[in-house]
PDB file of N, CA and C in Angstrom:
ATOM      1  N   UNK A   1       3.118 241.545 129.509  1.00  0.00           N
ATOM      2  CA  UNK A   1       4.464 242.093 129.433  1.00  0.00           C
ATOM      3  C   UNK A   1       4.830 242.395 128.014  1.00  0.00           C
ATOM      4  N   UNK A   2       5.652 243.392 127.846  1.00  0.00           N
ATOM      5  CA  UNK A   2       6.029 243.809 126.549  1.00  0.00           C
ATOM      6  C   UNK A   2       7.016 242.786 125.926  1.00  0.00           C
ATOM      7  N   UNK A   3       6.950 242.670 124.597  1.00  0.00           N
ATOM      8  CA  UNK A   3       7.833 241.810 123.867  1.00  0.00           C
ATOM      9  C   UNK A   3       9.031 242.653 123.399  1.00  0.00           C
ATOM     10  N   UNK A   4       9.917 242.961 124.308  1.00  0.00           N
ATOM     11  CA  UNK A   4      11.044 243.824 124.021  1.00  0.00           C
ATOM     12  C   UNK A   4      11.848 243.390 122.789  1.00  0.00           C
ATOM     13  N   UNK A   5      12.196 242.131 122.698  1.00  0.00           N
ATOM     14  CA  UNK A   5      12.978 241.692 121.563  1.00  0.00           C
ATOM     15  C   UNK A   5      12.294 241.902 120.257  1.00  0.00           C
ATOM     16  N   UNK A   6      10.975 241.691 120.243  1.00  0.00           N
ATOM     17  CA  UNK A   6      10.177 241.895 118.983  1.00  0.00           C
ATOM     18  C   UNK A   6      10.148 243.371 118.607  1.00  0.00           C
ATOM     19  N   UNK A   7       9.936 244.229 119.578  1.00  0.00           N
ATOM     20  CA  UNK A   7       9.859 245.724 119.296  1.00  0.00           C
ATOM     21  C   UNK A   7      11.248 246.196 118.780  1.00  0.00           C
ATOM     22  N   UNK A   8      12.329 245.745 119.454  1.00  0.00           N
ATOM     23  CA  UNK A   8      13.667 246.153 119.024  1.00  0.00           C
ATOM     24  C   UNK A   8      13.982 245.663 117.642  1.00  0.00           C
ATOM     25  N   UNK A   9      13.632 244.444 117.349  1.00  0.00           N
ATOM     26  CA  UNK A   9      13.870 243.818 116.031  1.00  0.00           C
ATOM     27  C   UNK A   9      13.158 244.557 114.941  1.00  0.00           C
ATOM     28  N   UNK A  10      11.879 244.852 115.191  1.00  0.00           N
ATOM     29  CA  UNK A  10      11.111 245.618 114.163  1.00  0.00           C
ATOM     30  C   UNK A  10      11.707 246.974 113.898  1.00  0.00           C
ATOM     31  N   UNK A  11      12.063 247.659 114.971  1.00  0.00           N
ATOM     32  CA  UNK A  11      12.650 248.987 114.839  1.00  0.00           C
ATOM     33  C   UNK A  11      14.035 248.950 114.172  1.00  0.00           C
ATOM     34  N   UNK A  12      14.793 247.936 114.520  1.00  0.00           N
ATOM     35  CA  UNK A  12      16.139 247.712 113.870  1.00  0.00           C
ATOM     36  C   UNK A  12      15.937 247.557 112.369  1.00  0.00           C
ATOM     37  N   UNK A  13      15.000 246.731 111.980  1.00  0.00           N
ATOM     38  CA  UNK A  13      14.767 246.510 110.531  1.00  0.00           C
ATOM     39  C   UNK A  13      14.333 247.788 109.844  1.00  0.00           C
ATOM     40  N   UNK A  14      13.481 248.569 110.484  1.00  0.00           N
ATOM     41  CA  UNK A  14      13.055 249.848 109.926  1.00  0.00           C
ATOM     42  C   UNK A  14      14.240 250.798 109.806  1.00  0.00           C
ATOM     43  N   UNK A  15      15.038 250.938 110.805  1.00  0.00           N
ATOM     44  CA  UNK A  15      16.199 251.838 110.819  1.00  0.00           C
ATOM     45  C   UNK A  15      17.201 251.383 109.752  1.00  0.00           C
ATOM     46  N   UNK A  16      17.443 250.099 109.579  1.00  0.00           N
ATOM     47  CA  UNK A  16      18.310 249.602 108.521  1.00  0.00           C
ATOM     48  C   UNK A  16      17.822 249.993 107.152  1.00  0.00           C
ATOM     49  N   UNK A  17      16.504 249.950 106.956  1.00  0.00           N
ATOM     50  CA  UNK A  17      15.961 250.263 105.667  1.00  0.00           C
ATOM     51  C   UNK A  17      15.949 251.783 105.359  1.00  0.00           C
ATOM     52  N   UNK A  18      15.912 252.583 106.405  1.00  0.00           N
ATOM     53  CA  UNK A  18      15.865 254.035 106.229  1.00  0.00           C
ATOM     54  C   UNK A  18      17.217 254.714 106.329  1.00  0.00           C
ATOM     55  N   UNK A  19      18.111 254.133 107.132  1.00  0.00           N
ATOM     56  CA  UNK A  19      19.497 254.623 107.309  1.00  0.00           C
ATOM     57  C   UNK A  19      19.567 256.093 107.702  1.00  0.00           C
ATOM     58  N   UNK A  20      18.965 256.436 108.837  1.00  0.00           N
ATOM     59  CA  UNK A  20      18.995 257.806 109.271  1.00  0.00           C
ATOM     60  C   UNK A  20      20.372 258.161 109.928  1.00  0.00           C
ATOM     61  N   UNK A  21      20.669 259.478 109.957  1.00  0.00           N
ATOM     62  CA  UNK A  21      21.849 259.926 110.636  1.00  0.00           C
ATOM     63  C   UNK A  21      21.674 259.978 112.140  1.00  0.00           C
ATOM     64  N   UNK A  22      20.453 260.237 112.571  1.00  0.00           N
ATOM     65  CA  UNK A  22      20.162 260.301 114.034  1.00  0.00           C
ATOM     66  C   UNK A  22      18.696 259.843 114.244  1.00  0.00           C
ATOM     67  N   UNK A  23      18.450 259.335 115.419  1.00  0.00           N
ATOM     68  CA  UNK A  23      17.113 258.982 115.839  1.00  0.00           C
ATOM     69  C   UNK A  23      16.729 259.901 117.035  1.00  0.00           C
ATOM     70  N   UNK A  24      15.632 260.535 116.882  1.00  0.00           N
ATOM     71  CA  UNK A  24      15.131 261.398 117.918  1.00  0.00           C
ATOM     72  C   UNK A  24      13.890 260.668 118.475  1.00  0.00           C
ATOM     73  N   UNK A  25      13.970 260.362 119.780  1.00  0.00           N
ATOM     74  CA  UNK A  25      12.886 259.592 120.393  1.00  0.00           C
ATOM     75  C   UNK A  25      12.351 260.363 121.587  1.00  0.00           C
ATOM     76  N   UNK A  26      11.064 260.137 121.846  1.00  0.00           N
ATOM     77  CA  UNK A  26      10.486 260.668 123.089  1.00  0.00           C
ATOM     78  C   UNK A  26      10.440 259.540 124.100  1.00  0.00           C
ATOM     79  N   UNK A  27       9.355 258.983 124.442  1.00  0.00           N
ATOM     80  CA  UNK A  27       9.297 257.971 125.457  1.00  0.00           C
ATOM     81  C   UNK A  27       9.423 256.560 124.903  1.00  0.00           C
ATOM     82  N   UNK A  28       9.544 256.406 123.590  1.00  0.00           N
ATOM     83  CA  UNK A  28       9.639 255.047 122.977  1.00  0.00           C
ATOM     84  C   UNK A  28      11.087 254.608 123.010  1.00  0.00           C
ATOM     85  N   UNK A  29      11.428 253.869 124.052  1.00  0.00           N
ATOM     86  CA  UNK A  29      12.801 253.534 124.239  1.00  0.00           C
ATOM     87  C   UNK A  29      13.406 252.454 123.436  1.00  0.00           C
ATOM     88  N   UNK A  30      12.595 251.612 122.791  1.00  0.00           N
ATOM     89  CA  UNK A  30      13.178 250.568 121.960  1.00  0.00           C
ATOM     90  C   UNK A  30      13.785 251.147 120.710  1.00  0.00           C
ATOM     91  N   UNK A  31      13.375 252.347 120.278  1.00  0.00           N
ATOM     92  CA  UNK A  31      14.043 252.975 119.123  1.00  0.00           C
ATOM     93  C   UNK A  31      15.463 253.342 119.524  1.00  0.00           C
ATOM     94  N   UNK A  32      15.688 253.696 120.772  1.00  0.00           N
ATOM     95  CA  UNK A  32      17.036 254.026 121.238  1.00  0.00           C
ATOM     96  C   UNK A  32      17.905 252.768 121.228  1.00  0.00           C
ATOM     97  N   UNK A  33      17.356 251.702 121.733  1.00  0.00           N
ATOM     98  CA  UNK A  33      18.050 250.449 121.744  1.00  0.00           C
ATOM     99  C   UNK A  33      18.401 249.952 120.347  1.00  0.00           C
ATOM    100  N   UNK A  34      17.503 250.092 119.395  1.00  0.00           N
ATOM    101  CA  UNK A  34      17.708 249.642 118.032  1.00  0.00           C
ATOM    102  C   UNK A  34      18.807 250.517 117.381  1.00  0.00           C
ATOM    103  N   UNK A  35      18.744 251.807 117.598  1.00  0.00           N
ATOM    104  CA  UNK A  35      19.691 252.744 117.023  1.00  0.00           C
ATOM    105  C   UNK A  35      21.099 252.473 117.617  1.00  0.00           C
ATOM    106  N   UNK A  36      21.129 252.259 118.911  1.00  0.00           N
ATOM    107  CA  UNK A  36      22.392 251.993 119.630  1.00  0.00           C
ATOM    108  C   UNK A  36      23.060 250.730 118.992  1.00  0.00           C
ATOM    109  N   UNK A  37      22.305 249.664 118.729  1.00  0.00           N
ATOM    110  CA  UNK A  37      22.800 248.503 118.144  1.00  0.00           C
ATOM    111  C   UNK A  37      23.365 248.651 116.733  1.00  0.00           C
ATOM    112  N   UNK A  38      22.799 249.705 116.013  1.00  0.00           N
ATOM    113  CA  UNK A  38      23.249 249.971 114.647  1.00  0.00           C
ATOM    114  C   UNK A  38      24.305 251.067 114.587  1.00  0.00           C
ATOM    115  N   UNK A  39      24.659 251.619 115.735  1.00  0.00           N
ATOM    116  CA  UNK A  39      25.673 252.686 115.748  1.00  0.00           C
ATOM    117  C   UNK A  39      25.119 254.030 115.279  1.00  0.00           C
ATOM    118  N   UNK A  40      23.831 254.248 115.426  1.00  0.00           N
ATOM    119  CA  UNK A  40      23.190 255.524 114.976  1.00  0.00           C
ATOM    120  C   UNK A  40      23.044 256.367 116.214  1.00  0.00           C
ATOM    121  N   UNK A  41      23.450 257.634 116.121  1.00  0.00           N
ATOM    122  CA  UNK A  41      23.301 258.572 117.219  1.00  0.00           C
ATOM    123  C   UNK A  41      21.865 258.757 117.613  1.00  0.00           C
ATOM    124  N   UNK A  42      21.633 259.050 118.907  1.00  0.00           N
ATOM    125  CA  UNK A  42      20.280 259.197 119.386  1.00  0.00           C
ATOM    126  C   UNK A  42      20.107 260.421 120.280  1.00  0.00           C
ATOM    127  N   UNK A  43      18.927 260.998 120.253  1.00  0.00           N
ATOM    128  CA  UNK A  43      18.554 262.117 121.090  1.00  0.00           C
ATOM    129  C   UNK A  43      17.230 261.712 121.745  1.00  0.00           C
ATOM    130  N   UNK A  44      17.246 261.663 123.081  1.00  0.00           N
ATOM    131  CA  UNK A  44      16.058 261.396 123.880  1.00  0.00           C
ATOM    132  C   UNK A  44      15.528 262.725 124.333  1.00  0.00           C
ATOM    133  N   UNK A  45      14.251 263.049 124.007  1.00  0.00           N
ATOM    134  CA  UNK A  45      13.649 264.357 124.386  1.00  0.00           C
ATOM    135  C   UNK A  45      12.266 264.063 124.989  1.00  0.00           C
ATOM    136  N   UNK A  46      11.925 264.780 126.043  1.00  0.00           N
ATOM    137  CA  UNK A  46      10.648 264.603 126.671  1.00  0.00           C
ATOM    138  C   UNK A  46      10.547 265.314 128.024  1.00  0.00           C
ATOM    139  N   UNK A  47       9.443 265.174 128.618  1.00  0.00           N
ATOM    140  CA  UNK A  47       9.251 265.771 129.969  1.00  0.00           C
ATOM    141  C   UNK A  47       9.038 264.695 131.015  1.00  0.00           C
ATOM    142  N   UNK A  48       9.120 263.430 130.585  1.00  0.00           N
ATOM    143  CA  UNK A  48       9.040 262.300 131.521  1.00  0.00           C
ATOM    144  C   UNK A  48       9.568 261.100 130.749  1.00  0.00           C
ATOM    145  N   UNK A  49       9.866 260.020 131.559  1.00  0.00           N
ATOM    146  CA  UNK A  49      10.162 258.739 130.938  1.00  0.00           C
ATOM    147  C   UNK A  49       9.209 257.710 131.557  1.00  0.00           C
ATOM    148  N   UNK A  50       8.979 256.625 130.869  1.00  0.00           N
ATOM    149  CA  UNK A  50       8.120 255.552 131.408  1.00  0.00           C
ATOM    150  C   UNK A  50       8.722 254.925 132.612  1.00  0.00           C
ATOM    151  N   UNK A  51      10.071 254.874 132.696  1.00  0.00           N
ATOM    152  CA  UNK A  51      10.652 254.312 133.901  1.00  0.00           C
ATOM    153  C   UNK A  51      10.368 255.144 135.090  1.00  0.00           C
ATOM    154  N   UNK A  52      10.313 256.479 134.941  1.00  0.00           N
ATOM    155  CA  UNK A  52       9.970 257.384 136.061  1.00  0.00           C
ATOM    156  C   UNK A  52       8.514 257.112 136.439  1.00  0.00           C
ATOM    157  N   UNK A  53       7.660 257.026 135.492  1.00  0.00           N
ATOM    158  CA  UNK A  53       6.203 256.879 135.775  1.00  0.00           C
ATOM    159  C   UNK A  53       5.925 255.535 136.445  1.00  0.00           C
ATOM    160  N   UNK A  54       6.532 254.469 135.936  1.00  0.00           N
ATOM    161  CA  UNK A  54       6.240 253.132 136.415  1.00  0.00           C
ATOM    162  C   UNK A  54       6.913 252.805 137.717  1.00  0.00           C
ATOM    163  N   UNK A  55       7.995 253.474 138.050  1.00  0.00           N
ATOM    164  CA  UNK A  55       8.819 253.152 139.273  1.00  0.00           C
ATOM    165  C   UNK A  55       7.943 253.243 140.511  1.00  0.00           C
ATOM    166  N   UNK A  56       7.003 254.130 140.561  1.00  0.00           N
ATOM    167  CA  UNK A  56       6.182 254.364 141.778  1.00  0.00           C
ATOM    168  C   UNK A  56       5.131 253.221 141.928  1.00  0.00           C
ATOM    169  N   UNK A  57       4.865 252.499 140.855  1.00  0.00           N
ATOM    170  CA  UNK A  57       3.735 251.537 140.908  1.00  0.00           C
ATOM    171  C   UNK A  57       4.140 250.063 140.707  1.00  0.00           C
ATOM    172  N   UNK A  58       5.286 249.846 140.037  1.00  0.00           N
ATOM    173  CA  UNK A  58       5.616 248.470 139.616  1.00  0.00           C
ATOM    174  C   UNK A  58       7.053 248.168 140.043  1.00  0.00           C
ATOM    175  N   UNK A  59       7.315 246.889 140.033  1.00  0.00           N
ATOM    176  CA  UNK A  59       8.682 246.436 140.381  1.00  0.00           C
ATOM    177  C   UNK A  59       9.684 246.681 139.211  1.00  0.00           C
ATOM    178  N   UNK A  60      10.931 246.481 139.517  1.00  0.00           N
ATOM    179  CA  UNK A  60      11.987 246.694 138.549  1.00  0.00           C
ATOM    180  C   UNK A  60      11.858 245.892 137.271  1.00  0.00           C
ATOM    181  N   UNK A  61      11.200 244.768 137.339  1.00  0.00           N
ATOM    182  CA  UNK A  61      11.021 243.992 136.105  1.00  0.00           C
ATOM    183  C   UNK A  61      10.169 244.692 135.066  1.00  0.00           C
ATOM    184  N   UNK A  62       9.382 245.644 135.523  1.00  0.00           N
ATOM    185  CA  UNK A  62       8.580 246.469 134.549  1.00  0.00           C
ATOM    186  C   UNK A  62       9.312 247.671 134.135  1.00  0.00           C
ATOM    187  N   UNK A  63       9.784 248.524 135.071  1.00  0.00           N
ATOM    188  CA  UNK A  63      10.425 249.787 134.687  1.00  0.00           C
ATOM    189  C   UNK A  63      11.891 249.663 134.300  1.00  0.00           C
ATOM    190  N   UNK A  64      12.550 248.627 134.746  1.00  0.00           N
ATOM    191  CA  UNK A  64      13.983 248.436 134.543  1.00  0.00           C
ATOM    192  C   UNK A  64      14.391 248.442 133.052  1.00  0.00           C
ATOM    193  N   UNK A  65      13.741 247.655 132.195  1.00  0.00           N
ATOM    194  CA  UNK A  65      14.126 247.685 130.765  1.00  0.00           C
ATOM    195  C   UNK A  65      14.013 249.051 130.150  1.00  0.00           C
ATOM    196  N   UNK A  66      12.975 249.842 130.499  1.00  0.00           N
ATOM    197  CA  UNK A  66      12.832 251.161 129.994  1.00  0.00           C
ATOM    198  C   UNK A  66      14.068 251.983 130.370  1.00  0.00           C
ATOM    199  N   UNK A  67      14.424 251.928 131.647  1.00  0.00           N
ATOM    200  CA  UNK A  67      15.555 252.742 132.164  1.00  0.00           C
ATOM    201  C   UNK A  67      16.829 252.326 131.463  1.00  0.00           C
ATOM    202  N   UNK A  68      17.057 251.035 131.300  1.00  0.00           N
ATOM    203  CA  UNK A  68      18.256 250.527 130.638  1.00  0.00           C
ATOM    204  C   UNK A  68      18.373 251.070 129.207  1.00  0.00           C
ATOM    205  N   UNK A  69      17.311 251.073 128.459  1.00  0.00           N
ATOM    206  CA  UNK A  69      17.322 251.553 127.114  1.00  0.00           C
ATOM    207  C   UNK A  69      17.475 253.080 127.036  1.00  0.00           C
ATOM    208  N   UNK A  70      16.825 253.803 127.948  1.00  0.00           N
ATOM    209  CA  UNK A  70      16.929 255.257 127.970  1.00  0.00           C
ATOM    210  C   UNK A  70      18.427 255.641 128.200  1.00  0.00           C
ATOM    211  N   UNK A  71      19.117 254.910 129.042  1.00  0.00           N
ATOM    212  CA  UNK A  71      20.497 255.223 129.351  1.00  0.00           C
ATOM    213  C   UNK A  71      21.463 255.029 128.171  1.00  0.00           C
ATOM    214  N   UNK A  72      20.975 254.418 127.111  1.00  0.00           N
ATOM    215  CA  UNK A  72      21.768 254.237 125.878  1.00  0.00           C
ATOM    216  C   UNK A  72      21.750 255.486 125.011  1.00  0.00           C
ATOM    217  N   UNK A  73      20.895 256.446 125.276  1.00  0.00           N
ATOM    218  CA  UNK A  73      20.762 257.617 124.448  1.00  0.00           C
ATOM    219  C   UNK A  73      22.086 258.424 124.546  1.00  0.00           C
ATOM    220  N   UNK A  74      22.494 259.022 123.361  1.00  0.00           N
ATOM    221  CA  UNK A  74      23.696 259.791 123.330  1.00  0.00           C
ATOM    222  C   UNK A  74      23.499 261.154 123.982  1.00  0.00           C
ATOM    223  N   UNK A  75      22.332 261.759 123.730  1.00  0.00           N
ATOM    224  CA  UNK A  75      22.021 263.064 124.309  1.00  0.00           C
ATOM    225  C   UNK A  75      20.564 263.011 124.799  1.00  0.00           C
ATOM    226  N   UNK A  76      20.386 263.636 126.035  1.00  0.00           N
ATOM    227  CA  UNK A  76      19.091 263.633 126.655  1.00  0.00           C
ATOM    228  C   UNK A  76      18.688 265.053 126.925  1.00  0.00           C
ATOM    229  N   UNK A  77      17.471 265.460 126.506  1.00  0.00           N
ATOM    230  CA  UNK A  77      16.958 266.797 126.777  1.00  0.00           C
ATOM    231  C   UNK A  77      15.582 266.631 127.454  1.00  0.00           C
ATOM    232  N   UNK A  78      15.522 267.059 128.718  1.00  0.00           N
ATOM    233  CA  UNK A  78      14.232 267.042 129.377  1.00  0.00           C
ATOM    234  C   UNK A  78      13.753 268.504 129.541  1.00  0.00           C
ATOM    235  N   UNK A  79      12.530 268.744 129.330  1.00  0.00           N
ATOM    236  CA  UNK A  79      11.941 270.086 129.436  1.00  0.00           C
ATOM    237  C   UNK A  79      10.831 270.084 130.447  1.00  0.00           C
TER     238      UNK A  79
END
């Protein structure tokens, strides 16, 4: 299982050090969670999400955290 808290903490520390105006993420959802916690705007862009991919094969305990973090994005663009 993924260490969500560890991933989010590392990304939060990175974003704090860089202080970006916006975070543009593809399928890496913990960047969205970290930016959300810091009040940084986010753009999710991609042609799929891991929650979509995993939903067919795994239970919600696997795909649920991905979906929850994706929903924190300010703007979403799927192509």
